[in-house]
PDB file of N, CA and C in Angstrom:
ATOM      1  N   ILE A   1       0.808  -1.148  -0.130  1.00  0.00           N
ATOM      2  CA  ILE A   1      -0.070   0.041  -0.137  1.00  0.00           C
ATOM      3  C   ILE A   1       0.751   1.275  -0.049  1.00  0.00           C
ATOM      4  N   ALA A   2       2.090   1.134   0.796  1.00  0.00           N
ATOM      5  CA  ALA A   2       2.926   2.396   0.789  1.00  0.00           C
ATOM      6  C   ALA A   2       3.379   3.004  -0.574  1.00  0.00           C
ATOM      7  N   LEU A   3       3.496   1.898  -1.640  1.00  0.00           N
ATOM      8  CA  LEU A   3       3.897   2.499  -3.024  1.00  0.00           C
ATOM      9  C   LEU A   3       2.848   3.240  -3.514  1.00  0.00           C
ATOM     10  N   GLY A   4       1.533   2.965  -3.117  1.00  0.00           N
ATOM     11  CA  GLY A   4       0.401   3.680  -3.756  1.00  0.00           C
ATOM     12  C   GLY A   4       0.321   5.056  -3.234  1.00  0.00           C
ATOM     13  N   VAL A   5       0.650   4.947  -1.825  1.00  0.00           N
ATOM     14  CA  VAL A   5       0.350   6.219  -1.029  1.00  0.00           C
ATOM     15  C   VAL A   5       1.463   7.287  -1.476  1.00  0.00           C
ATOM     16  N   MET A   6       2.522   6.795  -1.918  1.00  0.00           N
ATOM     17  CA  MET A   6       3.696   7.570  -2.159  1.00  0.00           C
ATOM     18  C   MET A   6       3.460   8.135  -3.582  1.00  0.00           C
ATOM     19  N   GLY A   7       2.657   7.596  -4.346  1.00  0.00           N
ATOM     20  CA  GLY A   7       2.056   8.208  -5.625  1.00  0.00           C
ATOM     21  C   GLY A   7       3.131   8.023  -6.623  1.00  0.00           C
ATOM     22  N   SER A   8       3.840   7.092  -6.482  1.00  0.00           N
ATOM     23  CA  SER A   8       4.709   6.886  -7.617  1.00  0.00           C
ATOM     24  C   SER A   8       4.468   6.230  -8.780  1.00  0.00           C
ATOM     25  N   LYS A   9       4.503   6.584  -9.851  1.00  0.00           N
ATOM     26  CA  LYS A   9       4.109   6.026 -11.078  1.00  0.00           C
ATOM     27  C   LYS A   9       5.067   4.698 -11.489  1.00  0.00           C
ATOM     28  N   LYS A  10       6.230   4.840 -10.831  1.00  0.00           N
ATOM     29  CA  LYS A  10       7.233   3.735 -11.181  1.00  0.00           C
ATOM     30  C   LYS A  10       6.720   2.422 -10.384  1.00  0.00           C
ATOM     31  N   ALA A  11       6.050   2.651  -9.251  1.00  0.00           N
ATOM     32  CA  ALA A  11       5.573   1.616  -8.507  1.00  0.00           C
ATOM     33  C   ALA A  11       4.337   0.673  -9.301  1.00  0.00           C
ATOM     34  N   ARG A  12       3.850   1.249 -10.304  1.00  0.00           N
ATOM     35  CA  ARG A  12       2.717   0.500 -11.045  1.00  0.00           C
ATOM     36  C   ARG A  12       3.106  -0.790 -11.389  1.00  0.00           C
ATOM     37  N   GLU A  13       4.163  -0.875 -12.084  1.00  0.00           N
ATOM     38  CA  GLU A  13       4.710  -2.268 -12.685  1.00  0.00           C
ATOM     39  C   GLU A  13       4.875  -3.188 -11.514  1.00  0.00           C
ATOM     40  N   THR A  14       5.400  -3.002 -10.361  1.00  0.00           N
ATOM     41  CA  THR A  14       5.637  -3.830  -9.381  1.00  0.00           C
ATOM     42  C   THR A  14       4.264  -4.000  -8.651  1.00  0.00           C
ATOM     43  N   LEU A  15       3.380  -3.109  -8.645  1.00  0.00           N
ATOM     44  CA  LEU A  15       1.985  -3.337  -8.064  1.00  0.00           C
ATOM     45  C   LEU A  15       1.130  -4.217  -8.859  1.00  0.00           C
ATOM     46  N   GLU A  16       1.386  -4.249 -10.271  1.00  0.00           N
ATOM     47  CA  GLU A  16       0.591  -4.949 -11.081  1.00  0.00           C
ATOM     48  C   GLU A  16       1.244  -6.498 -11.057  1.00  0.00           C
ATOM     49  N   LYS A  17       2.348  -6.606 -10.939  1.00  0.00           N
ATOM     50  CA  LYS A  17       3.004  -8.012 -10.601  1.00  0.00           C
ATOM     51  C   LYS A  17       2.413  -8.537  -9.294  1.00  0.00           C
ATOM     52  N   ALA A  18       2.320  -7.772  -8.206  1.00  0.00           N
ATOM     53  CA  ALA A  18       1.739  -8.211  -7.013  1.00  0.00           C
ATOM     54  C   ALA A  18       0.188  -8.830  -7.079  1.00  0.00           C
ATOM     55  N   LEU A  19      -0.565  -8.312  -8.070  1.00  0.00           N
ATOM     56  CA  LEU A  19      -1.830  -8.724  -8.279  1.00  0.00           C
ATOM     57  C   LEU A  19      -1.866 -10.308  -8.400  1.00  0.00           C
ATOM     58  N   ASN A  20      -0.668 -10.763  -9.023  1.00  0.00           N
ATOM     59  CA  ASN A  20      -0.720 -12.367  -9.111  1.00  0.00           C
ATOM     60  C   ASN A  20      -0.090 -13.111  -7.989  1.00  0.00           C
ATOM     61  N   ASP A  21       0.227 -12.438  -7.030  1.00  0.00           N
ATOM     62  CA  ASP A  21       0.999 -12.939  -5.745  1.00  0.00           C
ATOM     63  C   ASP A  21       0.200 -14.005  -5.155  1.00  0.00           C
ATOM     64  N   PRO A  22       0.739 -14.971  -4.823  1.00  0.00           N
ATOM     65  CA  PRO A  22      -0.120 -16.289  -4.099  1.00  0.00           C
ATOM     66  C   PRO A  22      -0.878 -16.025  -2.688  1.00  0.00           C
ATOM     67  N   ASP A  23      -0.450 -15.009  -2.284  1.00  0.00           N
ATOM     68  CA  ASP A  23      -0.840 -14.480  -0.929  1.00  0.00           C
ATOM     69  C   ASP A  23      -2.191 -13.425  -0.999  1.00  0.00           C
ATOM     70  N   GLU A  24      -3.215 -13.638  -0.787  1.00  0.00           N
ATOM     71  CA  GLU A  24      -4.333 -12.793  -0.662  1.00  0.00           C
ATOM     72  C   GLU A  24      -3.959 -11.582  -0.144  1.00  0.00           C
ATOM     73  N   PRO A  25      -3.462 -11.342   1.124  1.00  0.00           N
ATOM     74  CA  PRO A  25      -3.173  -9.944   1.510  1.00  0.00           C
ATOM     75  C   PRO A  25      -2.343  -9.268   0.682  1.00  0.00           C
ATOM     76  N   VAL A  26      -1.411  -9.746   0.044  1.00  0.00           N
ATOM     77  CA  VAL A  26      -0.534  -9.216  -0.947  1.00  0.00           C
ATOM     78  C   VAL A  26      -1.380  -8.463  -2.132  1.00  0.00           C
ATOM     79  N   ARG A  27      -2.086  -9.465  -2.719  1.00  0.00           N
ATOM     80  CA  ARG A  27      -2.967  -9.098  -3.750  1.00  0.00           C
ATOM     81  C   ARG A  27      -3.809  -7.958  -3.384  1.00  0.00           C
ATOM     82  N   ASP A  28      -4.739  -8.141  -2.274  1.00  0.00           N
ATOM     83  CA  ASP A  28      -5.401  -7.107  -1.830  1.00  0.00           C
ATOM     84  C   ASP A  28      -4.698  -5.573  -1.632  1.00  0.00           C
ATOM     85  N   SER A  29      -3.571  -5.767  -1.160  1.00  0.00           N
ATOM     86  CA  SER A  29      -2.902  -4.565  -0.819  1.00  0.00           C
ATOM     87  C   SER A  29      -2.371  -3.748  -2.216  1.00  0.00           C
ATOM     88  N   ALA A  30      -2.103  -4.767  -3.166  1.00  0.00           N
ATOM     89  CA  ALA A  30      -1.901  -4.117  -4.267  1.00  0.00           C
ATOM     90  C   ALA A  30      -3.007  -3.433  -5.014  1.00  0.00           C
ATOM     91  N   VAL A  31      -4.125  -4.070  -4.793  1.00  0.00           N
ATOM     92  CA  VAL A  31      -5.245  -3.484  -5.474  1.00  0.00           C
ATOM     93  C   VAL A  31      -5.573  -2.067  -4.911  1.00  0.00           C
ATOM     94  N   VAL A  32      -5.480  -2.056  -3.564  1.00  0.00           N
ATOM     95  CA  VAL A  32      -5.679  -0.717  -2.761  1.00  0.00           C
ATOM     96  C   VAL A  32      -4.654   0.297  -3.252  1.00  0.00           C
ATOM     97  N   ALA A  33      -3.408  -0.049  -3.487  1.00  0.00           N
ATOM     98  CA  ALA A  33      -2.325   0.785  -3.968  1.00  0.00           C
ATOM     99  C   ALA A  33      -2.595   1.336  -5.279  1.00  0.00           C
ATOM    100  N   LEU A  34      -2.952   0.335  -6.179  1.00  0.00           N
ATOM    101  CA  LEU A  34      -3.249   0.863  -7.559  1.00  0.00           C
ATOM    102  C   LEU A  34      -4.451   1.733  -7.674  1.00  0.00           C
ATOM    103  N   SER A  35      -5.364   1.575  -6.814  1.00  0.00           N
ATOM    104  CA  SER A  35      -6.425   2.214  -6.847  1.00  0.00           C
ATOM    105  C   SER A  35      -6.023   3.893  -6.369  1.00  0.00           C
ATOM    106  N   ASN A  36      -5.325   3.868  -5.259  1.00  0.00           N
ATOM    107  CA  ASN A  36      -4.701   5.190  -4.740  1.00  0.00           C
ATOM    108  C   ASN A  36      -3.854   5.834  -5.826  1.00  0.00           C
ATOM    109  N   LEU A  37      -3.111   5.094  -6.682  1.00  0.00           N
ATOM    110  CA  LEU A  37      -2.369   5.688  -7.640  1.00  0.00           C
ATOM    111  C   LEU A  37      -3.328   6.390  -8.777  1.00  0.00           C
ATOM    112  N   GLU A  38      -4.308   5.668  -9.090  1.00  0.00           N
ATOM    113  CA  GLU A  38      -5.429   6.138 -10.216  1.00  0.00           C
ATOM    114  C   GLU A  38      -5.908   7.459  -9.504  1.00  0.00           C
ATOM    115  N   PHE A  39      -6.428   7.438  -8.326  1.00  0.00           N
ATOM    116  CA  PHE A  39      -6.949   8.472  -7.529  1.00  0.00           C
ATOM    117  C   PHE A  39      -6.123   9.900  -7.732  1.00  0.00           C
ATOM    118  N   MET A  40      -4.723   9.609  -7.280  1.00  0.00           N
ATOM    119  CA  MET A  40      -3.798  10.438  -7.163  1.00  0.00           C
ATOM    120  C   MET A  40      -3.537  11.257  -8.732  1.00  0.00           C
ATOM    121  N   GLU A  41      -3.539  10.204  -9.548  1.00  0.00           N
ATOM    122  CA  GLU A  41      -3.323  10.808 -11.036  1.00  0.00           C
ATOM    123  C   GLU A  41      -4.496  11.643 -11.528  1.00  0.00           C
ATOM    124  N   LYS A  42      -5.520  11.199 -10.964  1.00  0.00           N
ATOM    125  CA  LYS A  42      -6.790  12.243 -11.414  1.00  0.00           C
ATOM    126  C   LYS A  42      -6.931  13.509 -10.786  1.00  0.00           C
ATOM    127  N   LEU A  43      -6.379  13.475  -9.353  1.00  0.00           N
ATOM    128  CA  LEU A  43      -6.201  14.650  -8.713  1.00  0.00           C
ATOM    129  C   LEU A  43      -5.304  15.514  -9.199  1.00  0.00           C
ATOM    130  N   SER A  44      -4.195  15.130  -9.697  1.00  0.00           N
ATOM    131  CA  SER A  44      -3.163  15.940 -10.014  1.00  0.00           C
ATOM    132  C   SER A  44      -3.501  16.659 -11.563  1.00  0.00           C
ATOM    133  N   LYS A  45      -4.460  16.172 -12.122  1.00  0.00           N
ATOM    134  CA  LYS A  45      -4.877  16.658 -13.351  1.00  0.00           C
ATOM    135  C   LYS A  45      -5.671  17.913 -13.058  1.00  0.00           C
ATOM    136  N   ASN A  46      -6.312  17.949 -11.976  1.00  0.00           N
ATOM    137  CA  ASN A  46      -7.097  19.170 -11.536  1.00  0.00           C
ATOM    138  C   ASN A  46      -6.062  20.102 -10.827  1.00  0.00           C
ATOM    139  N   GLU A  47      -5.435  21.131 -11.492  1.00  0.00           N
ATOM    140  CA  GLU A  47      -4.540  21.979 -10.997  1.00  0.00           C
ATOM    141  C   GLU A  47      -5.216  22.769  -9.749  1.00  0.00           C
ATOM    142  N   LYS A  48      -6.354  23.363 -10.014  1.00  0.00           N
ATOM    143  CA  LYS A  48      -6.799  24.129  -9.105  1.00  0.00           C
ATOM    144  C   LYS A  48      -6.911  23.454  -7.616  1.00  0.00           C
ATOM    145  N   PHE A  49      -7.365  22.226  -7.788  1.00  0.00           N
ATOM    146  CA  PHE A  49      -7.842  21.341  -6.518  1.00  0.00           C
ATOM    147  C   PHE A  49      -6.394  20.978  -5.832  1.00  0.00           C
ATOM    148  N   ALA A  50      -5.279  20.598  -6.927  1.00  0.00           N
ATOM    149  CA  ALA A  50      -3.976  20.309  -6.277  1.00  0.00           C
ATOM    150  C   ALA A  50      -3.424  21.583  -5.467  1.00  0.00           C
ATOM    151  N   LYS A  51      -3.460  22.693  -6.023  1.00  0.00           N
ATOM    152  CA  LYS A  51      -2.965  23.892  -5.293  1.00  0.00           C
ATOM    153  C   LYS A  51      -3.754  24.062  -3.851  1.00  0.00           C
ATOM    154  N   LEU A  52      -4.946  24.005  -3.845  1.00  0.00           N
ATOM    155  CA  LEU A  52      -5.528  24.151  -2.647  1.00  0.00           C
ATOM    156  C   LEU A  52      -5.386  23.078  -1.619  1.00  0.00           C
ATOM    157  N   THR A  53      -4.916  21.997  -2.097  1.00  0.00           N
ATOM    158  CA  THR A  53      -4.705  20.803  -1.097  1.00  0.00           C
ATOM    159  C   THR A  53      -3.058  20.527  -0.896  1.00  0.00           C
ATOM    160  N   GLY A  54      -2.378  21.542  -1.550  1.00  0.00           N
ATOM    161  CA  GLY A  54      -0.896  21.550  -1.252  1.00  0.00           C
ATOM    162  C   GLY A  54      -0.218  20.386  -2.224  1.00  0.00           C
ATOM    163  N   GLY A  55      -0.906  19.980  -3.128  1.00  0.00           N
ATOM    164  CA  GLY A  55      -0.289  19.129  -4.002  1.00  0.00           C
ATOM    165  C   GLY A  55       0.299  19.692  -5.219  1.00  0.00           C
TER     166      GLY A  55
END
């Protein structure tokens, strides 16, 4: 999840690989992190919102 919280686009490849991990908690964490990355990318496109929130 930390990779997604950091908002690193470079983390996406690692997180996508984690979706196939044999351990369910790892897969679930990857889903959450990827969702967060997507959310952060959408927010960053809204420049006014980003400025208001310190982004």
